[in-house]
PDB file of N, CA and C in Angstrom:
ATOM      1  N   MET A   1     182.353 134.166 117.852  1.00  0.00           N
ATOM      2  CA  MET A   1     182.545 132.741 117.698  1.00  0.00           C
ATOM      3  C   MET A   1     184.013 132.499 117.403  1.00  0.00           C
ATOM      4  N   SER A   2     184.671 131.786 118.264  1.00  0.00           N
ATOM      5  CA  SER A   2     186.081 131.502 118.072  1.00  0.00           C
ATOM      6  C   SER A   2     186.241 130.281 117.191  1.00  0.00           C
ATOM      7  N   ALA A   3     187.025 130.414 116.140  1.00  0.00           N
ATOM      8  CA  ALA A   3     187.172 129.339 115.180  1.00  0.00           C
ATOM      9  C   ALA A   3     188.397 128.487 115.456  1.00  0.00           C
ATOM     10  N   LYS A   4     189.216 128.868 116.386  1.00  0.00           N
ATOM     11  CA  LYS A   4     190.486 128.187 116.584  1.00  0.00           C
ATOM     12  C   LYS A   4     190.526 127.471 117.922  1.00  0.00           C
ATOM     13  N   HIS A   5     191.282 126.403 117.964  1.00  0.00           N
ATOM     14  CA  HIS A   5     191.662 125.848 119.246  1.00  0.00           C
ATOM     15  C   HIS A   5     193.175 125.914 119.307  1.00  0.00           C
ATOM     16  N   SER A   6     193.751 125.523 120.381  1.00  0.00           N
ATOM     17  CA  SER A   6     195.159 125.835 120.649  1.00  0.00           C
ATOM     18  C   SER A   6     196.142 125.370 119.579  1.00  0.00           C
ATOM     19  N   SER A   7     195.849 124.281 118.878  1.00  0.00           N
ATOM     20  CA  SER A   7     196.835 123.762 117.934  1.00  0.00           C
ATOM     21  C   SER A   7     196.523 124.057 116.467  1.00  0.00           C
ATOM     22  N   CYS A   8     195.470 124.819 116.180  1.00  0.00           N
ATOM     23  CA  CYS A   8     195.087 125.052 114.790  1.00  0.00           C
ATOM     24  C   CYS A   8     195.240 126.515 114.393  1.00  0.00           C
ATOM     25  N   ASN A   9     195.637 126.710 113.147  1.00  0.00           N
ATOM     26  CA  ASN A   9     195.717 128.028 112.537  1.00  0.00           C
ATOM     27  C   ASN A   9     194.792 127.999 111.319  1.00  0.00           C
ATOM     28  N   CYS A  10     193.501 128.201 111.556  1.00  0.00           N
ATOM     29  CA  CYS A  10     192.462 127.979 110.548  1.00  0.00           C
ATOM     30  C   CYS A  10     192.341 129.118 109.548  1.00  0.00           C
ATOM     31  N   ILE A  11     191.909 128.731 108.348  1.00  0.00           N
ATOM     32  CA  ILE A  11     191.611 129.662 107.260  1.00  0.00           C
ATOM     33  C   ILE A  11     190.108 129.608 107.033  1.00  0.00           C
ATOM     34  N   VAL A  12     189.444 130.760 107.044  1.00  0.00           N
ATOM     35  CA  VAL A  12     187.995 130.812 106.825  1.00  0.00           C
ATOM     36  C   VAL A  12     187.705 130.546 105.350  1.00  0.00           C
ATOM     37  N   LEU A  13     186.901 129.516 105.093  1.00  0.00           N
ATOM     38  CA  LEU A  13     186.495 129.185 103.729  1.00  0.00           C
ATOM     39  C   LEU A  13     185.151 129.818 103.386  1.00  0.00           C
ATOM     40  N   ALA A  14     184.255 129.855 104.370  1.00  0.00           N
ATOM     41  CA  ALA A  14     182.931 130.445 104.168  1.00  0.00           C
ATOM     42  C   ALA A  14     182.382 130.871 105.526  1.00  0.00           C
ATOM     43  N   SER A  15     181.579 131.935 105.481  1.00  0.00           N
ATOM     44  CA  SER A  15     181.019 132.449 106.715  1.00  0.00           C
ATOM     45  C   SER A  15     179.632 133.021 106.444  1.00  0.00           C
ATOM     46  N   ALA A  16     178.702 132.774 107.370  1.00  0.00           N
ATOM     47  CA  ALA A  16     177.347 133.307 107.289  1.00  0.00           C
ATOM     48  C   ALA A  16     176.826 133.434 108.711  1.00  0.00           C
ATOM     49  N   ALA A  17     175.612 133.942 108.836  1.00  0.00           N
ATOM     50  CA  ALA A  17     175.041 134.135 110.166  1.00  0.00           C
ATOM     51  C   ALA A  17     174.944 132.825 110.945  1.00  0.00           C
ATOM     52  N   VAL A  18     174.724 131.736 110.253  1.00  0.00           N
ATOM     53  CA  VAL A  18     174.560 130.441 110.919  1.00  0.00           C
ATOM     54  C   VAL A  18     175.883 129.850 111.413  1.00  0.00           C
ATOM     55  N   GLY A  19     176.996 130.237 110.819  1.00  0.00           N
ATOM     56  CA  GLY A  19     178.285 129.705 111.247  1.00  0.00           C
ATOM     57  C   GLY A  19     179.387 129.918 110.234  1.00  0.00           C
ATOM     58  N   GLN A  20     180.433 129.125 110.399  1.00  0.00           N
ATOM     59  CA  GLN A  20     181.605 129.227 109.525  1.00  0.00           C
ATOM     60  C   GLN A  20     182.111 127.846 109.146  1.00  0.00           C
ATOM     61  N   VAL A  21     182.791 127.793 107.995  1.00  0.00           N
ATOM     62  CA  VAL A  21     183.533 126.615 107.586  1.00  0.00           C
ATOM     63  C   VAL A  21     184.981 127.053 107.466  1.00  0.00           C
ATOM     64  N   LEU A  22     185.850 126.340 108.168  1.00  0.00           N
ATOM     65  CA  LEU A  22     187.274 126.689 108.179  1.00  0.00           C
ATOM     66  C   LEU A  22     188.105 125.477 107.815  1.00  0.00           C
ATOM     67  N   ALA A  23     189.271 125.738 107.268  1.00  0.00           N
ATOM     68  CA  ALA A  23     190.225 124.670 106.969  1.00  0.00           C
ATOM     69  C   ALA A  23     191.452 124.888 107.833  1.00  0.00           C
ATOM     70  N   CYS A  24     191.953 123.820 108.409  1.00  0.00           N
ATOM     71  CA  CYS A  24     193.152 123.902 109.225  1.00  0.00           C
ATOM     72  C   CYS A  24     194.310 123.225 108.493  1.00  0.00           C
ATOM     73  N   PRO A  25     195.252 124.009 108.001  1.00  0.00           N
ATOM     74  CA  PRO A  25     196.390 123.405 107.315  1.00  0.00           C
ATOM     75  C   PRO A  25     197.311 122.664 108.288  1.00  0.00           C
ATOM     76  N   ASP A  26     197.220 122.970 109.575  1.00  0.00           N
ATOM     77  CA  ASP A  26     198.086 122.314 110.561  1.00  0.00           C
ATOM     78  C   ASP A  26     197.660 120.868 110.830  1.00  0.00           C
ATOM     79  N   CYS A  27     196.359 120.663 111.081  1.00  0.00           N
ATOM     80  CA  CYS A  27     195.905 119.303 111.401  1.00  0.00           C
ATOM     81  C   CYS A  27     195.152 118.641 110.248  1.00  0.00           C
ATOM     82  N   GLY A  28     194.884 119.386 109.169  1.00  0.00           N
ATOM     83  CA  GLY A  28     194.245 118.816 107.983  1.00  0.00           C
ATOM     84  C   GLY A  28     192.750 118.613 108.104  1.00  0.00           C
ATOM     85  N   THR A  29     192.120 119.225 109.100  1.00  0.00           N
ATOM     86  CA  THR A  29     190.686 119.039 109.269  1.00  0.00           C
ATOM     87  C   THR A  29     189.897 120.244 108.784  1.00  0.00           C
ATOM     88  N   ILE A  30     188.622 119.990 108.560  1.00  0.00           N
ATOM     89  CA  ILE A  30     187.673 121.040 108.251  1.00  0.00           C
ATOM     90  C   ILE A  30     186.872 121.278 109.522  1.00  0.00           C
ATOM     91  N   HIS A  31     186.755 122.524 109.925  1.00  0.00           N
ATOM     92  CA  HIS A  31     186.001 122.880 111.124  1.00  0.00           C
ATOM     93  C   HIS A  31     184.678 123.482 110.674  1.00  0.00           C
ATOM     94  N   LEU A  32     183.593 122.887 111.125  1.00  0.00           N
ATOM     95  CA  LEU A  32     182.255 123.403 110.857  1.00  0.00           C
ATOM     96  C   LEU A  32     181.754 123.982 112.171  1.00  0.00           C
ATOM     97  N   ASN A  33     181.752 125.307 112.262  1.00  0.00           N
ATOM     98  CA  ASN A  33     181.337 126.006 113.483  1.00  0.00           C
ATOM     99  C   ASN A  33     179.903 126.473 113.338  1.00  0.00           C
ATOM    100  N   LEU A  34     179.046 125.978 114.211  1.00  0.00           N
ATOM    101  CA  LEU A  34     177.641 126.352 114.230  1.00  0.00           C
ATOM    102  C   LEU A  34     177.296 126.805 115.641  1.00  0.00           C
ATOM    103  N   SER A  35     177.306 128.087 115.867  1.00  0.00           N
ATOM    104  CA  SER A  35     176.991 128.668 117.170  1.00  0.00           C
ATOM    105  C   SER A  35     177.812 128.003 118.267  1.00  0.00           C
ATOM    106  N   GLN A  36     177.183 127.183 119.093  1.00  0.00           N
ATOM    107  CA  GLN A  36     177.866 126.572 120.234  1.00  0.00           C
ATOM    108  C   GLN A  36     178.488 125.215 119.923  1.00  0.00           C
ATOM    109  N   VAL A  37     178.414 124.765 118.661  1.00  0.00           N
ATOM    110  CA  VAL A  37     178.912 123.448 118.283  1.00  0.00           C
ATOM    111  C   VAL A  37     179.967 123.576 117.197  1.00  0.00           C
ATOM    112  N   THR A  38     181.063 122.858 117.360  1.00  0.00           N
ATOM    113  CA  THR A  38     182.083 122.788 116.319  1.00  0.00           C
ATOM    114  C   THR A  38     182.329 121.329 115.987  1.00  0.00           C
ATOM    115  N   LEU A  39     182.232 121.002 114.706  1.00  0.00           N
ATOM    116  CA  LEU A  39     182.584 119.667 114.224  1.00  0.00           C
ATOM    117  C   LEU A  39     183.920 119.767 113.518  1.00  0.00           C
ATOM    118  N   ARG A  40     184.827 118.906 113.855  1.00  0.00           N
ATOM    119  CA  ARG A  40     186.110 118.826 113.159  1.00  0.00           C
ATOM    120  C   ARG A  40     186.106 117.535 112.365  1.00  0.00           C
ATOM    121  N   LEU A  41     186.139 117.682 111.050  1.00  0.00           N
ATOM    122  CA  LEU A  41     185.987 116.550 110.148  1.00  0.00           C
ATOM    123  C   LEU A  41     187.170 116.461 109.197  1.00  0.00           C
ATOM    124  N   MET A  42     187.496 115.235 108.824  1.00  0.00           N
ATOM    125  CA  MET A  42     188.474 115.056 107.760  1.00  0.00           C
ATOM    126  C   MET A  42     187.822 115.527 106.465  1.00  0.00           C
ATOM    127  N   PRO A  43     188.599 116.041 105.515  1.00  0.00           N
ATOM    128  CA  PRO A  43     188.008 116.594 104.286  1.00  0.00           C
ATOM    129  C   PRO A  43     187.067 115.635 103.558  1.00  0.00           C
ATOM    130  N   ASP A  44     187.385 114.336 103.509  1.00  0.00           N
ATOM    131  CA  ASP A  44     186.497 113.397 102.818  1.00  0.00           C
ATOM    132  C   ASP A  44     185.169 113.236 103.550  1.00  0.00           C
ATOM    133  N   ARG A  45     185.176 113.274 104.861  1.00  0.00           N
ATOM    134  CA  ARG A  45     183.936 113.188 105.640  1.00  0.00           C
ATOM    135  C   ARG A  45     183.126 114.477 105.511  1.00  0.00           C
ATOM    136  N   PHE A  46     183.812 115.611 105.445  1.00  0.00           N
ATOM    137  CA  PHE A  46     183.119 116.883 105.229  1.00  0.00           C
ATOM    138  C   PHE A  46     182.424 116.852 103.866  1.00  0.00           C
ATOM    139  N   ALA A  47     183.097 116.330 102.851  1.00  0.00           N
ATOM    140  CA  ALA A  47     182.504 116.225 101.514  1.00  0.00           C
ATOM    141  C   ALA A  47     181.265 115.336 101.544  1.00  0.00           C
ATOM    142  N   GLU A  48     181.337 114.210 102.261  1.00  0.00           N
ATOM    143  CA  GLU A  48     180.179 113.322 102.381  1.00  0.00           C
ATOM    144  C   GLU A  48     179.026 114.022 103.094  1.00  0.00           C
ATOM    145  N   LEU A  49     179.339 114.749 104.155  1.00  0.00           N
ATOM    146  CA  LEU A  49     178.314 115.503 104.877  1.00  0.00           C
ATOM    147  C   LEU A  49     177.673 116.542 103.966  1.00  0.00           C
ATOM    148  N   SER A  50     178.477 117.220 103.167  1.00  0.00           N
ATOM    149  CA  SER A  50     177.963 118.227 102.237  1.00  0.00           C
ATOM    150  C   SER A  50     176.983 117.619 101.248  1.00  0.00           C
ATOM    151  N   VAL A  51     177.286 116.419 100.772  1.00  0.00           N
ATOM    152  CA  VAL A  51     176.405 115.742  99.808  1.00  0.00           C
ATOM    153  C   VAL A  51     175.063 115.418 100.445  1.00  0.00           C
ATOM    154  N   ILE A  52     175.063 114.871 101.667  1.00  0.00           N
ATOM    155  CA  ILE A  52     173.781 114.493 102.251  1.00  0.00           C
ATOM    156  C   ILE A  52     172.970 115.719 102.677  1.00  0.00           C
ATOM    157  N   VAL A  53     173.641 116.780 103.100  1.00  0.00           N
ATOM    158  CA  VAL A  53     172.923 118.010 103.447  1.00  0.00           C
ATOM    159  C   VAL A  53     172.302 118.619 102.185  1.00  0.00           C
ATOM    160  N   ALA A  54     173.044 118.635 101.090  1.00  0.00           N
ATOM    161  CA  ALA A  54     172.509 119.163  99.827  1.00  0.00           C
ATOM    162  C   ALA A  54     171.325 118.325  99.349  1.00  0.00           C
ATOM    163  N   LYS A  55     171.411 117.009  99.494  1.00  0.00           N
ATOM    164  CA  LYS A  55     170.306 116.132  99.082  1.00  0.00           C
ATOM    165  C   LYS A  55     169.073 116.418  99.933  1.00  0.00           C
ATOM    166  N   ALA A  56     169.258 116.548 101.227  1.00  0.00           N
ATOM    167  CA  ALA A  56     168.135 116.854 102.112  1.00  0.00           C
ATOM    168  C   ALA A  56     167.503 118.195 101.750  1.00  0.00           C
ATOM    169  N   GLN A  57     168.322 119.178 101.427  1.00  0.00           N
ATOM    170  CA  GLN A  57     167.800 120.497 101.055  1.00  0.00           C
ATOM    171  C   GLN A  57     166.981 120.412  99.769  1.00  0.00           C
ATOM    172  N   ARG A  58     167.481 119.658  98.781  1.00  0.00           N
ATOM    173  CA  ARG A  58     166.733 119.483  97.526  1.00  0.00           C
ATOM    174  C   ARG A  58     165.372 118.842  97.790  1.00  0.00           C
ATOM    175  N   LEU A  59     165.362 117.797  98.629  1.00  0.00           N
ATOM    176  CA  LEU A  59     164.100 117.115  98.938  1.00  0.00           C
ATOM    177  C   LEU A  59     163.130 118.044  99.667  1.00  0.00           C
ATOM    178  N   MET A  60     163.639 118.844 100.588  1.00  0.00           N
ATOM    179  CA  MET A  60     162.780 119.802 101.290  1.00  0.00           C
ATOM    180  C   MET A  60     162.240 120.849 100.332  1.00  0.00           C
ATOM    181  N   ASP A  61     163.074 121.325  99.417  1.00  0.00           N
ATOM    182  CA  ASP A  61     162.633 122.317  98.428  1.00  0.00           C
ATOM    183  C   ASP A  61     161.548 121.732  97.522  1.00  0.00           C
ATOM    184  N   GLU A  62     161.734 120.471  97.086  1.00  0.00           N
ATOM    185  CA  GLU A  62     160.739 119.822  96.238  1.00  0.00           C
ATOM    186  C   GLU A  62     159.418 119.641  96.978  1.00  0.00           C
ATOM    187  N   ALA A  63     159.494 119.217  98.237  1.00  0.00           N
ATOM    188  CA  ALA A  63     158.269 119.033  99.028  1.00  0.00           C
ATOM    189  C   ALA A  63     157.566 120.363  99.239  1.00  0.00           C
ATOM    190  N   ARG A  64     158.320 121.412  99.496  1.00  0.00           N
ATOM    191  CA  ARG A  64     157.735 122.744  99.690  1.00  0.00           C
ATOM    192  C   ARG A  64     157.056 123.213  98.403  1.00  0.00           C
ATOM    193  N   ALA A  65     157.694 122.975  97.260  1.00  0.00           N
ATOM    194  CA  ALA A  65     157.119 123.383  95.977  1.00  0.00           C
ATOM    195  C   ALA A  65     155.840 122.600  95.685  1.00  0.00           C
ATOM    196  N   GLN A  66     155.852 121.302  95.969  1.00  0.00           N
ATOM    197  CA  GLN A  66     154.648 120.488  95.748  1.00  0.00           C
ATOM    198  C   GLN A  66     153.504 120.943  96.644  1.00  0.00           C
ATOM    199  N   LEU A  67     153.801 121.286  97.872  1.00  0.00           N
ATOM    200  CA  LEU A  67     152.782 121.774  98.791  1.00  0.00           C
ATOM    201  C   LEU A  67     152.213 123.105  98.309  1.00  0.00           C
ATOM    202  N   ALA A  68     153.063 123.980  97.808  1.00  0.00           N
ATOM    203  CA  ALA A  68     152.604 125.277  97.300  1.00  0.00           C
ATOM    204  C   ALA A  68     151.679 125.092  96.111  1.00  0.00           C
ATOM    205  N   VAL A  69     152.011 124.140  95.228  1.00  0.00           N
ATOM    206  CA  VAL A  69     151.161 123.867  94.061  1.00  0.00           C
ATOM    207  C   VAL A  69     149.807 123.337  94.525  1.00  0.00           C
ATOM    208  N   LYS A  70     149.807 122.419  95.485  1.00  0.00           N
ATOM    209  CA  LYS A  70     148.549 121.871  96.001  1.00  0.00           C
ATOM    210  C   LYS A  70     147.708 122.965  96.643  1.00  0.00           C
ATOM    211  N   GLN A  71     148.343 123.813  97.426  1.00  0.00           N
ATOM    212  CA  GLN A  71     147.623 124.887  98.103  1.00  0.00           C
ATOM    213  C   GLN A  71     147.085 125.900  97.106  1.00  0.00           C
ATOM    214  N   ALA A  72     147.821 126.147  96.046  1.00  0.00           N
ATOM    215  CA  ALA A  72     147.370 127.108  95.027  1.00  0.00           C
ATOM    216  C   ALA A  72     146.170 126.564  94.264  1.00  0.00           C
ATOM    217  N   GLY A  73     146.069 125.248  94.119  1.00  0.00           N
ATOM    218  CA  GLY A  73     144.975 124.640  93.394  1.00  0.00           C
ATOM    219  C   GLY A  73     143.764 124.357  94.260  1.00  0.00           C
ATOM    220  N   THR A  74     143.881 124.518  95.556  1.00  0.00           N
ATOM    221  CA  THR A  74     142.765 124.259  96.467  1.00  0.00           C
ATOM    222  C   THR A  74     141.987 125.537  96.715  1.00  0.00           C
ATOM    223  N   PRO A  75     140.701 125.532  96.392  1.00  0.00           N
ATOM    224  CA  PRO A  75     139.915 126.748  96.652  1.00  0.00           C
ATOM    225  C   PRO A  75     139.816 127.001  98.153  1.00  0.00           C
ATOM    226  N   SER A  76     139.919 128.233  98.515  1.00  0.00           N
ATOM    227  CA  SER A  76     139.805 128.585  99.928  1.00  0.00           C
ATOM    228  C   SER A  76     138.363 128.876 100.283  1.00  0.00           C
ATOM    229  N   LEU A  77     138.012 128.601 101.506  1.00  0.00           N
ATOM    230  CA  LEU A  77     136.662 128.859 101.988  1.00  0.00           C
ATOM    231  C   LEU A  77     136.666 130.166 102.737  1.00  0.00           C
ATOM    232  N   HIS A  78     135.981 131.162 102.220  1.00  0.00           N
ATOM    233  CA  HIS A  78     135.910 132.472 102.876  1.00  0.00           C
ATOM    234  C   HIS A  78     134.515 132.744 103.307  1.00  0.00           C
TER     235      HIS A  78
END
């Protein structure tokens, strides 16, 4: 996965199997590389995106936990 385009000299901030987050000191953007998609965001927009993604993850985790509790309390028919 190439993290650079012709005018950027990016610094890797974080990397995982799903992609990378890079900062470009040349153009001032944050590059979010996800497989075949790259988003180039201004730092304030990246921060906003991070907040909504974290909120969505919390809600999914809570829903998953509630479902597990319901399933644990439901007798199974064998």
